[in-house]
């Protein structure tokens, strides 16, 4: 390009704006159609939106963190969780047999109750009626009151100050 005149350089620099070069090719359309078919494999719309929002910055769009905060009102961690679930559902659809439905999407990953909540009655029933609970190393702190301990320390401190003053 060193020997080119200004007109040739200008044409070469702006050739990418030619409408013929900006048209989508058949390959671009095919890739887009395949992406549309794959996104159908994700049953929940919030997970589909998170996956699209995560892919958008790769093409120069809005940052994923801003999308999570401004558009959905969620944290980036939750957005990442939704995106990863969408990817897992798509990959599990490709991994399984055509007629098999694993139904992993029904589990959202978050638990409503503690893990032992459904076993609480069984745990209480393990001791016999006349059995005494096993001694515990922290029996003495079972009824510990922080305020009473602070007041006791304060009284001792004031008593030492009185003795030193006398």
N, C-alpha and C. Protein backbone atom coordinates (compact mmCIF):
# COMPACT_ATOMS: atom_id res chain seq x y z
N UNK A 1 0.82 -1.19 0.00
CA UNK A 1 0.00 0.00 0.00
C UNK A 1 0.86 1.26 0.00
N UNK A 2 2.19 1.10 0.14
CA UNK A 2 3.06 2.27 0.16
C UNK A 2 3.00 3.05 -1.13
N UNK A 3 2.89 2.37 -2.25
CA UNK A 3 2.90 3.06 -3.55
C UNK A 3 1.53 3.49 -4.01
N UNK A 4 0.50 3.24 -3.23
CA UNK A 4 -0.86 3.60 -3.65
C UNK A 4 -1.12 5.08 -3.47
N UNK A 5 -1.99 5.61 -4.30
CA UNK A 5 -2.39 7.00 -4.10
C UNK A 5 -3.52 7.06 -3.06
N UNK A 6 -3.90 8.25 -2.67
CA UNK A 6 -4.89 8.46 -1.60
C UNK A 6 -6.25 7.85 -1.93
N UNK A 7 -6.63 7.93 -3.19
CA UNK A 7 -7.94 7.41 -3.58
C UNK A 7 -8.00 5.90 -3.40
N UNK A 8 -6.95 5.20 -3.81
CA UNK A 8 -6.90 3.74 -3.67
C UNK A 8 -6.87 3.32 -2.20
N UNK A 9 -6.11 4.06 -1.39
CA UNK A 9 -6.06 3.75 0.05
C UNK A 9 -7.43 3.94 0.70
N UNK A 10 -8.10 5.03 0.31
CA UNK A 10 -9.42 5.31 0.86
C UNK A 10 -10.41 4.20 0.49
N UNK A 11 -10.38 3.75 -0.77
CA UNK A 11 -11.27 2.68 -1.20
C UNK A 11 -10.97 1.37 -0.47
N UNK A 12 -9.70 1.07 -0.26
CA UNK A 12 -9.32 -0.17 0.43
C UNK A 12 -9.74 -0.12 1.89
N UNK A 13 -9.59 1.03 2.53
CA UNK A 13 -9.95 1.16 3.94
C UNK A 13 -11.44 1.06 4.18
N UNK A 14 -12.25 1.53 3.24
CA UNK A 14 -13.70 1.56 3.43
C UNK A 14 -14.44 0.48 2.65
N UNK A 15 -13.71 -0.49 2.11
CA UNK A 15 -14.35 -1.56 1.33
C UNK A 15 -15.24 -2.44 2.21
N UNK A 16 -14.96 -2.51 3.50
CA UNK A 16 -15.76 -3.36 4.39
C UNK A 16 -17.18 -2.81 4.58
N UNK A 17 -17.40 -1.53 4.24
CA UNK A 17 -18.73 -0.96 4.34
C UNK A 17 -19.58 -1.18 3.09
N UNK A 18 -19.01 -1.80 2.11
CA UNK A 18 -19.76 -2.08 0.89
C UNK A 18 -20.93 -3.01 1.24
N UNK A 19 -22.16 -2.68 0.83
CA UNK A 19 -23.33 -3.50 1.18
C UNK A 19 -23.18 -4.96 0.79
N UNK A 20 -22.45 -5.24 -0.27
CA UNK A 20 -22.25 -6.64 -0.67
C UNK A 20 -21.44 -7.40 0.37
N UNK A 21 -20.50 -6.72 1.03
CA UNK A 21 -19.67 -7.38 2.05
C UNK A 21 -20.40 -7.51 3.38
N UNK A 22 -21.43 -6.69 3.59
CA UNK A 22 -22.16 -6.71 4.86
C UNK A 22 -23.29 -7.73 4.87
N UNK A 23 -23.62 -8.32 3.77
CA UNK A 23 -24.71 -9.29 3.70
C UNK A 23 -24.33 -10.57 4.43
N UNK A 24 -25.33 -11.18 5.04
CA UNK A 24 -25.10 -12.47 5.70
C UNK A 24 -24.96 -13.55 4.63
N UNK A 25 -23.97 -14.39 4.84
CA UNK A 25 -23.76 -15.49 3.90
C UNK A 25 -24.70 -16.64 4.26
N UNK A 26 -24.77 -17.61 3.39
CA UNK A 26 -25.60 -18.78 3.68
C UNK A 26 -25.06 -19.54 4.89
N UNK A 27 -23.76 -19.50 5.07
CA UNK A 27 -23.16 -20.14 6.25
C UNK A 27 -23.59 -19.42 7.52
N UNK A 28 -23.60 -18.09 7.51
CA UNK A 28 -24.04 -17.32 8.68
C UNK A 28 -25.49 -17.64 9.03
N UNK A 29 -26.33 -17.73 8.04
CA UNK A 29 -27.75 -18.04 8.27
C UNK A 29 -27.90 -19.46 8.81
N UNK A 30 -27.11 -20.39 8.29
CA UNK A 30 -27.16 -21.77 8.78
C UNK A 30 -26.74 -21.87 10.24
N UNK A 31 -25.70 -21.15 10.60
CA UNK A 31 -25.25 -21.14 12.00
C UNK A 31 -26.32 -20.53 12.90
N UNK A 32 -26.93 -19.46 12.45
CA UNK A 32 -28.00 -18.82 13.23
C UNK A 32 -29.18 -19.76 13.42
N UNK A 33 -29.58 -20.46 12.35
CA UNK A 33 -30.69 -21.41 12.46
C UNK A 33 -30.36 -22.55 13.41
N UNK A 34 -29.13 -23.04 13.38
CA UNK A 34 -28.72 -24.12 14.30
C UNK A 34 -28.76 -23.62 15.74
N UNK A 35 -28.34 -22.38 15.96
CA UNK A 35 -28.39 -21.81 17.32
C UNK A 35 -29.83 -21.68 17.80
N UNK A 36 -30.73 -21.29 16.91
CA UNK A 36 -32.15 -21.18 17.27
C UNK A 36 -32.74 -22.54 17.64
N UNK A 37 -32.33 -23.58 16.94
CA UNK A 37 -32.81 -24.93 17.26
C UNK A 37 -32.25 -25.42 18.59
N UNK A 38 -30.99 -25.09 18.86
CA UNK A 38 -30.39 -25.54 20.12
C UNK A 38 -30.99 -24.81 21.31
N UNK A 39 -31.31 -23.54 21.16
CA UNK A 39 -31.85 -22.78 22.29
C UNK A 39 -33.24 -23.29 22.66
N UNK A 40 -33.92 -23.94 21.72
CA UNK A 40 -35.23 -24.53 22.02
C UNK A 40 -35.13 -25.67 23.03
N UNK A 41 -33.94 -26.24 23.19
CA UNK A 41 -33.75 -27.35 24.11
C UNK A 41 -33.75 -26.90 25.57
N UNK A 42 -33.66 -25.59 25.82
CA UNK A 42 -33.68 -25.05 27.18
C UNK A 42 -35.13 -24.69 27.50
N UNK A 43 -35.74 -25.36 28.50
CA UNK A 43 -37.16 -25.15 28.74
C UNK A 43 -37.53 -23.86 29.47
N UNK A 44 -36.60 -23.27 30.20
CA UNK A 44 -36.93 -22.10 31.00
C UNK A 44 -36.47 -20.82 30.32
N UNK A 45 -37.37 -19.84 30.17
CA UNK A 45 -37.00 -18.61 29.46
C UNK A 45 -35.92 -17.79 30.15
N UNK A 46 -35.89 -17.80 31.49
CA UNK A 46 -34.86 -17.00 32.16
C UNK A 46 -33.47 -17.57 31.89
N UNK A 47 -33.36 -18.88 31.74
CA UNK A 47 -32.07 -19.48 31.42
C UNK A 47 -31.70 -19.22 29.96
N UNK A 48 -32.68 -19.23 29.06
CA UNK A 48 -32.41 -18.89 27.66
C UNK A 48 -31.92 -17.45 27.55
N UNK A 49 -32.60 -16.54 28.27
CA UNK A 49 -32.19 -15.12 28.21
C UNK A 49 -30.78 -14.94 28.75
N UNK A 50 -30.44 -15.66 29.82
CA UNK A 50 -29.09 -15.54 30.39
C UNK A 50 -28.04 -16.04 29.41
N UNK A 51 -28.34 -17.13 28.71
CA UNK A 51 -27.39 -17.65 27.73
C UNK A 51 -27.19 -16.67 26.58
N UNK A 52 -28.29 -16.08 26.08
CA UNK A 52 -28.18 -15.09 25.00
C UNK A 52 -27.43 -13.85 25.48
N UNK A 53 -27.73 -13.40 26.71
CA UNK A 53 -27.06 -12.20 27.23
C UNK A 53 -25.58 -12.45 27.44
N UNK A 54 -25.21 -13.67 27.78
CA UNK A 54 -23.79 -14.01 27.95
C UNK A 54 -23.08 -14.04 26.60
N UNK A 55 -23.79 -14.48 25.55
CA UNK A 55 -23.17 -14.56 24.22
C UNK A 55 -23.11 -13.21 23.53
N UNK A 56 -24.01 -12.29 23.88
CA UNK A 56 -24.08 -10.99 23.22
C UNK A 56 -22.78 -10.18 23.31
N UNK A 57 -22.09 -10.11 24.46
CA UNK A 57 -20.84 -9.32 24.51
C UNK A 57 -19.75 -9.86 23.59
N UNK A 58 -19.83 -11.14 23.24
CA UNK A 58 -18.84 -11.69 22.32
C UNK A 58 -18.94 -11.04 20.94
N UNK A 59 -20.10 -10.52 20.62
CA UNK A 59 -20.29 -9.85 19.33
C UNK A 59 -20.27 -8.33 19.49
N UNK A 60 -19.85 -7.85 20.66
CA UNK A 60 -19.74 -6.41 20.86
C UNK A 60 -20.94 -5.77 21.50
N UNK A 61 -21.79 -6.56 22.14
CA UNK A 61 -23.00 -6.01 22.76
C UNK A 61 -22.76 -5.61 24.21
N UNK A 62 -23.86 -5.46 24.94
CA UNK A 62 -23.82 -5.03 26.33
C UNK A 62 -23.13 -6.09 27.20
N UNK A 63 -22.37 -5.65 28.19
CA UNK A 63 -21.66 -6.57 29.08
C UNK A 63 -22.66 -7.41 29.87
N UNK A 64 -22.27 -8.66 30.15
CA UNK A 64 -23.15 -9.60 30.84
C UNK A 64 -23.50 -9.10 32.24
N UNK A 65 -22.53 -8.53 32.94
CA UNK A 65 -22.79 -8.03 34.30
C UNK A 65 -23.83 -6.91 34.28
N UNK A 66 -23.71 -6.01 33.32
CA UNK A 66 -24.69 -4.92 33.21
C UNK A 66 -26.07 -5.46 32.88
N UNK A 67 -26.13 -6.46 32.01
CA UNK A 67 -27.42 -7.05 31.68
C UNK A 67 -28.06 -7.66 32.92
N UNK A 68 -27.26 -8.40 33.70
CA UNK A 68 -27.80 -9.03 34.92
C UNK A 68 -28.36 -7.98 35.86
N UNK A 69 -27.61 -6.92 36.05
CA UNK A 69 -28.01 -5.89 37.02
C UNK A 69 -29.18 -5.05 36.51
N UNK A 70 -29.07 -4.55 35.28
CA UNK A 70 -30.06 -3.59 34.78
C UNK A 70 -31.31 -4.25 34.21
N UNK A 71 -31.14 -5.29 33.42
CA UNK A 71 -32.28 -5.89 32.74
C UNK A 71 -33.05 -6.87 33.62
N UNK A 72 -32.33 -7.73 34.33
CA UNK A 72 -32.98 -8.79 35.10
C UNK A 72 -33.07 -8.47 36.59
N UNK A 73 -32.21 -7.59 37.08
CA UNK A 73 -32.22 -7.27 38.50
C UNK A 73 -31.68 -8.41 39.35
N UNK A 74 -30.69 -9.14 38.83
CA UNK A 74 -30.09 -10.26 39.55
C UNK A 74 -28.60 -10.04 39.64
N UNK A 75 -27.93 -10.85 40.47
CA UNK A 75 -26.48 -10.75 40.56
C UNK A 75 -25.83 -11.52 39.41
N UNK A 76 -24.56 -11.25 39.19
CA UNK A 76 -23.83 -11.97 38.12
C UNK A 76 -23.75 -13.45 38.42
N UNK A 77 -23.66 -13.81 39.70
CA UNK A 77 -23.56 -15.23 40.07
C UNK A 77 -24.83 -15.97 39.65
N UNK A 78 -25.98 -15.38 39.88
CA UNK A 78 -27.23 -16.03 39.50
C UNK A 78 -27.32 -16.10 37.97
N UNK A 79 -26.87 -15.04 37.30
CA UNK A 79 -26.85 -15.06 35.84
C UNK A 79 -25.95 -16.16 35.31
N UNK A 80 -24.78 -16.33 35.93
CA UNK A 80 -23.88 -17.41 35.53
C UNK A 80 -24.50 -18.77 35.81
N UNK A 81 -25.19 -18.89 36.94
CA UNK A 81 -25.85 -20.15 37.26
C UNK A 81 -26.88 -20.49 36.18
N UNK A 82 -27.69 -19.51 35.79
CA UNK A 82 -28.71 -19.75 34.77
C UNK A 82 -28.07 -20.10 33.43
N UNK A 83 -27.02 -19.41 33.08
CA UNK A 83 -26.33 -19.68 31.81
C UNK A 83 -25.76 -21.10 31.81
N UNK A 84 -25.12 -21.49 32.91
CA UNK A 84 -24.53 -22.83 32.98
C UNK A 84 -25.60 -23.91 32.93
N UNK A 85 -26.75 -23.66 33.57
CA UNK A 85 -27.85 -24.63 33.51
C UNK A 85 -28.35 -24.77 32.07
N UNK A 86 -28.43 -23.68 31.34
CA UNK A 86 -28.87 -23.75 29.94
C UNK A 86 -27.88 -24.57 29.12
N UNK A 87 -26.60 -24.35 29.34
CA UNK A 87 -25.58 -25.11 28.60
C UNK A 87 -25.65 -26.58 28.98
N UNK A 88 -25.85 -26.88 30.27
CA UNK A 88 -25.97 -28.28 30.70
C UNK A 88 -27.17 -28.96 30.04
N UNK A 89 -28.27 -28.25 29.94
CA UNK A 89 -29.47 -28.84 29.34
C UNK A 89 -29.27 -29.11 27.85
N UNK A 90 -28.59 -28.21 27.17
CA UNK A 90 -28.31 -28.43 25.75
C UNK A 90 -27.37 -29.61 25.58
N UNK A 91 -26.31 -29.66 26.39
CA UNK A 91 -25.36 -30.77 26.24
C UNK A 91 -25.98 -32.10 26.65
N UNK A 92 -26.86 -32.10 27.66
CA UNK A 92 -27.50 -33.37 28.03
C UNK A 92 -28.47 -33.81 26.94
N UNK A 93 -29.07 -32.87 26.22
CA UNK A 93 -29.95 -33.25 25.11
C UNK A 93 -29.17 -33.92 24.01
N UNK A 94 -27.93 -33.51 23.79
CA UNK A 94 -27.11 -34.15 22.76
C UNK A 94 -26.52 -35.47 23.25
N UNK A 95 -26.34 -35.60 24.57
CA UNK A 95 -25.74 -36.82 25.12
C UNK A 95 -26.72 -37.97 25.24
N UNK A 96 -27.99 -37.70 25.41
CA UNK A 96 -28.95 -38.76 25.67
C UNK A 96 -29.49 -39.36 24.38
N UNK A 97 -30.17 -40.47 24.56
CA UNK A 97 -30.83 -41.11 23.43
C UNK A 97 -32.04 -40.26 23.03
N UNK A 98 -32.47 -40.33 21.80
CA UNK A 98 -33.56 -39.44 21.34
C UNK A 98 -34.86 -39.57 22.12
N UNK A 99 -35.22 -40.77 22.55
CA UNK A 99 -36.49 -40.95 23.24
C UNK A 99 -36.37 -40.84 24.75
N UNK A 100 -35.17 -40.63 25.26
CA UNK A 100 -34.95 -40.54 26.70
C UNK A 100 -35.05 -39.09 27.14
N UNK A 101 -35.79 -38.85 28.22
CA UNK A 101 -35.89 -37.50 28.78
C UNK A 101 -35.41 -37.57 30.22
N UNK A 102 -34.28 -36.96 30.48
CA UNK A 102 -33.70 -37.05 31.82
C UNK A 102 -34.40 -36.16 32.84
N UNK A 103 -35.09 -35.15 32.38
CA UNK A 103 -35.83 -34.22 33.23
C UNK A 103 -34.97 -33.62 34.34
N UNK A 104 -33.72 -33.30 34.01
CA UNK A 104 -32.86 -32.63 34.99
C UNK A 104 -33.29 -31.20 35.20
N UNK A 105 -34.01 -30.64 34.24
CA UNK A 105 -34.36 -29.23 34.32
C UNK A 105 -35.36 -28.94 35.42
N UNK A 106 -36.03 -29.96 35.97
CA UNK A 106 -37.00 -29.71 37.03
C UNK A 106 -36.31 -29.32 38.33
N UNK A 107 -35.04 -29.69 38.49
CA UNK A 107 -34.28 -29.35 39.70
C UNK A 107 -33.56 -28.04 39.46
N UNK A 108 -33.89 -27.03 40.25
CA UNK A 108 -33.30 -25.71 40.01
C UNK A 108 -31.99 -25.49 40.74
N UNK A 109 -31.54 -26.46 41.54
CA UNK A 109 -30.24 -26.35 42.18
C UNK A 109 -30.26 -25.77 43.56
N UNK A 110 -31.33 -25.08 43.92
CA UNK A 110 -31.41 -24.48 45.24
C UNK A 110 -32.38 -25.29 46.09
N UNK A 111 -32.01 -25.53 47.35
CA UNK A 111 -32.89 -26.29 48.23
C UNK A 111 -33.77 -25.34 49.02
N UNK A 112 -34.98 -25.78 49.32
CA UNK A 112 -35.90 -24.97 50.09
C UNK A 112 -35.72 -25.20 51.59
N UNK A 113 -35.40 -26.41 51.98
CA UNK A 113 -35.27 -26.77 53.39
C UNK A 113 -33.88 -27.31 53.66
N UNK A 114 -33.46 -27.31 54.93
CA UNK A 114 -32.18 -27.94 55.25
C UNK A 114 -32.20 -29.42 54.89
N UNK A 115 -31.03 -29.98 54.72
CA UNK A 115 -30.94 -31.36 54.26
C UNK A 115 -31.53 -32.34 55.27
N UNK A 116 -31.44 -32.03 56.56
CA UNK A 116 -31.91 -32.95 57.58
C UNK A 116 -33.36 -32.71 57.97
N UNK A 117 -34.02 -31.77 57.35
CA UNK A 117 -35.37 -31.39 57.77
C UNK A 117 -36.35 -32.56 57.71
N UNK A 118 -36.25 -33.37 56.67
CA UNK A 118 -37.19 -34.48 56.54
C UNK A 118 -36.86 -35.65 57.46
N UNK A 119 -35.67 -35.65 58.08
CA UNK A 119 -35.25 -36.74 58.95
C UNK A 119 -35.28 -36.35 60.43
N UNK A 120 -35.81 -35.17 60.73
CA UNK A 120 -35.79 -34.66 62.10
C UNK A 120 -36.51 -35.60 63.07
N UNK A 121 -37.67 -36.15 62.69
CA UNK A 121 -38.40 -37.05 63.58
C UNK A 121 -37.63 -38.33 63.83
N UNK A 122 -36.93 -38.83 62.83
CA UNK A 122 -36.13 -40.04 63.01
C UNK A 122 -34.97 -39.80 63.96
N UNK A 123 -34.37 -38.63 63.87
CA UNK A 123 -33.23 -38.32 64.72
C UNK A 123 -33.68 -38.22 66.17
N UNK A 124 -34.82 -37.63 66.43
CA UNK A 124 -35.34 -37.53 67.80
C UNK A 124 -35.70 -38.90 68.35
N UNK A 125 -36.10 -39.84 67.50
CA UNK A 125 -36.55 -41.14 67.95
C UNK A 125 -35.45 -42.14 68.20
N UNK A 126 -34.21 -41.76 68.01
CA UNK A 126 -33.13 -42.72 68.16
C UNK A 126 -32.84 -43.05 69.62
N UNK A 127 -33.09 -42.15 70.56
CA UNK A 127 -32.82 -42.41 71.98
C UNK A 127 -34.00 -43.15 72.61
N UNK A 128 -33.68 -44.05 73.53
CA UNK A 128 -34.73 -44.74 74.27
C UNK A 128 -35.36 -43.77 75.25
N UNK A 129 -36.56 -44.11 75.76
CA UNK A 129 -37.28 -43.22 76.66
C UNK A 129 -36.49 -42.93 77.94
N UNK A 130 -35.85 -43.97 78.53
CA UNK A 130 -35.15 -43.79 79.81
C UNK A 130 -33.67 -43.45 79.62
N UNK A 131 -33.22 -43.28 78.40
CA UNK A 131 -31.81 -43.01 78.16
C UNK A 131 -31.49 -41.55 78.45
N UNK A 132 -30.28 -41.34 78.95
CA UNK A 132 -29.80 -39.98 79.18
C UNK A 132 -28.91 -39.59 78.00
N UNK A 133 -28.96 -38.37 77.58
CA UNK A 133 -28.09 -37.99 76.46
C UNK A 133 -26.62 -38.09 76.86
N UNK A 134 -25.80 -38.41 75.91
CA UNK A 134 -24.37 -38.55 76.17
C UNK A 134 -23.81 -37.21 76.62
N UNK A 135 -22.84 -37.24 77.57
CA UNK A 135 -22.26 -35.97 78.01
C UNK A 135 -21.56 -35.28 76.84
N UNK A 136 -21.69 -33.99 76.84
CA UNK A 136 -21.11 -33.22 75.76
C UNK A 136 -20.02 -32.32 76.33
N UNK A 137 -19.01 -32.03 75.55
CA UNK A 137 -17.92 -31.18 76.01
C UNK A 137 -18.36 -29.75 76.23
N UNK A 138 -19.48 -29.34 75.65
CA UNK A 138 -19.91 -27.95 75.78
C UNK A 138 -21.19 -27.82 76.61
N UNK A 139 -21.40 -28.70 77.58
CA UNK A 139 -22.57 -28.60 78.44
C UNK A 139 -22.57 -27.30 79.24
N UNK A 140 -21.38 -26.86 79.65
CA UNK A 140 -21.30 -25.66 80.48
C UNK A 140 -21.60 -24.38 79.71
N UNK A 141 -21.50 -24.39 78.41
CA UNK A 141 -21.79 -23.18 77.64
C UNK A 141 -23.17 -23.23 76.99
N UNK A 142 -23.96 -24.22 77.35
CA UNK A 142 -25.28 -24.38 76.74
C UNK A 142 -26.19 -23.19 77.09
N UNK A 143 -26.11 -22.72 78.33
CA UNK A 143 -26.94 -21.59 78.77
C UNK A 143 -26.09 -20.34 78.97
N UNK A 144 -25.11 -20.12 78.15
CA UNK A 144 -24.18 -19.01 78.29
C UNK A 144 -24.85 -17.70 77.90
N UNK A 145 -24.69 -16.69 78.75
CA UNK A 145 -25.21 -15.37 78.47
C UNK A 145 -24.04 -14.41 78.33
N UNK A 146 -23.91 -13.85 77.19
CA UNK A 146 -22.79 -12.93 76.92
C UNK A 146 -22.89 -11.69 77.79
N UNK A 147 -24.07 -11.18 77.98
CA UNK A 147 -24.25 -9.97 78.79
C UNK A 147 -23.85 -10.23 80.24
N UNK A 148 -24.24 -11.38 80.79
CA UNK A 148 -23.85 -11.70 82.17
C UNK A 148 -22.34 -11.83 82.30
N UNK A 149 -21.68 -12.44 81.32
CA UNK A 149 -20.22 -12.57 81.37
C UNK A 149 -19.55 -11.20 81.29
N UNK A 150 -20.04 -10.32 80.45
CA UNK A 150 -19.48 -8.97 80.35
C UNK A 150 -19.68 -8.20 81.66
N UNK A 151 -20.87 -8.32 82.26
CA UNK A 151 -21.13 -7.65 83.54
C UNK A 151 -20.21 -8.18 84.63
N UNK A 152 -19.96 -9.49 84.67
CA UNK A 152 -19.06 -10.07 85.67
C UNK A 152 -17.65 -9.53 85.48
N UNK A 153 -17.17 -9.46 84.26
CA UNK A 153 -15.83 -8.92 84.00
C UNK A 153 -15.75 -7.45 84.42
N UNK A 154 -16.81 -6.70 84.15
CA UNK A 154 -16.82 -5.29 84.52
C UNK A 154 -16.77 -5.13 86.03
N UNK A 155 -17.56 -5.94 86.76
CA UNK A 155 -17.52 -5.86 88.22
C UNK A 155 -16.14 -6.19 88.77
N UNK A 156 -15.48 -7.23 88.21
CA UNK A 156 -14.12 -7.59 88.66
C UNK A 156 -13.15 -6.45 88.38
N UNK A 157 -13.27 -5.83 87.24
CA UNK A 157 -12.39 -4.73 86.88
C UNK A 157 -12.58 -3.54 87.82
N UNK A 158 -13.84 -3.22 88.13
CA UNK A 158 -14.12 -2.11 89.05
C UNK A 158 -13.64 -2.43 90.46
N UNK A 159 -13.76 -3.70 90.88
CA UNK A 159 -13.28 -4.10 92.21
C UNK A 159 -11.76 -3.96 92.27
N UNK A 160 -11.03 -4.34 91.23
CA UNK A 160 -9.57 -4.18 91.22
C UNK A 160 -9.18 -2.72 91.27
N UNK A 161 -9.91 -1.87 90.55
CA UNK A 161 -9.60 -0.42 90.57
C UNK A 161 -9.82 0.14 91.96
N UNK A 162 -10.89 -0.29 92.65
CA UNK A 162 -11.14 0.19 94.01
C UNK A 162 -10.05 -0.24 94.97
N UNK A 163 -9.55 -1.49 94.82
CA UNK A 163 -8.50 -1.98 95.71
C UNK A 163 -7.20 -1.21 95.44
N UNK A 164 -6.91 -0.89 94.17
CA UNK A 164 -5.69 -0.18 93.86
C UNK A 164 -5.77 1.27 94.35
N UNK A 165 -6.98 1.84 94.33
CA UNK A 165 -7.15 3.22 94.77
C UNK A 165 -7.07 3.32 96.29
N UNK A 166 -7.43 2.27 97.01
CA UNK A 166 -7.44 2.32 98.47
C UNK A 166 -6.10 2.10 99.09
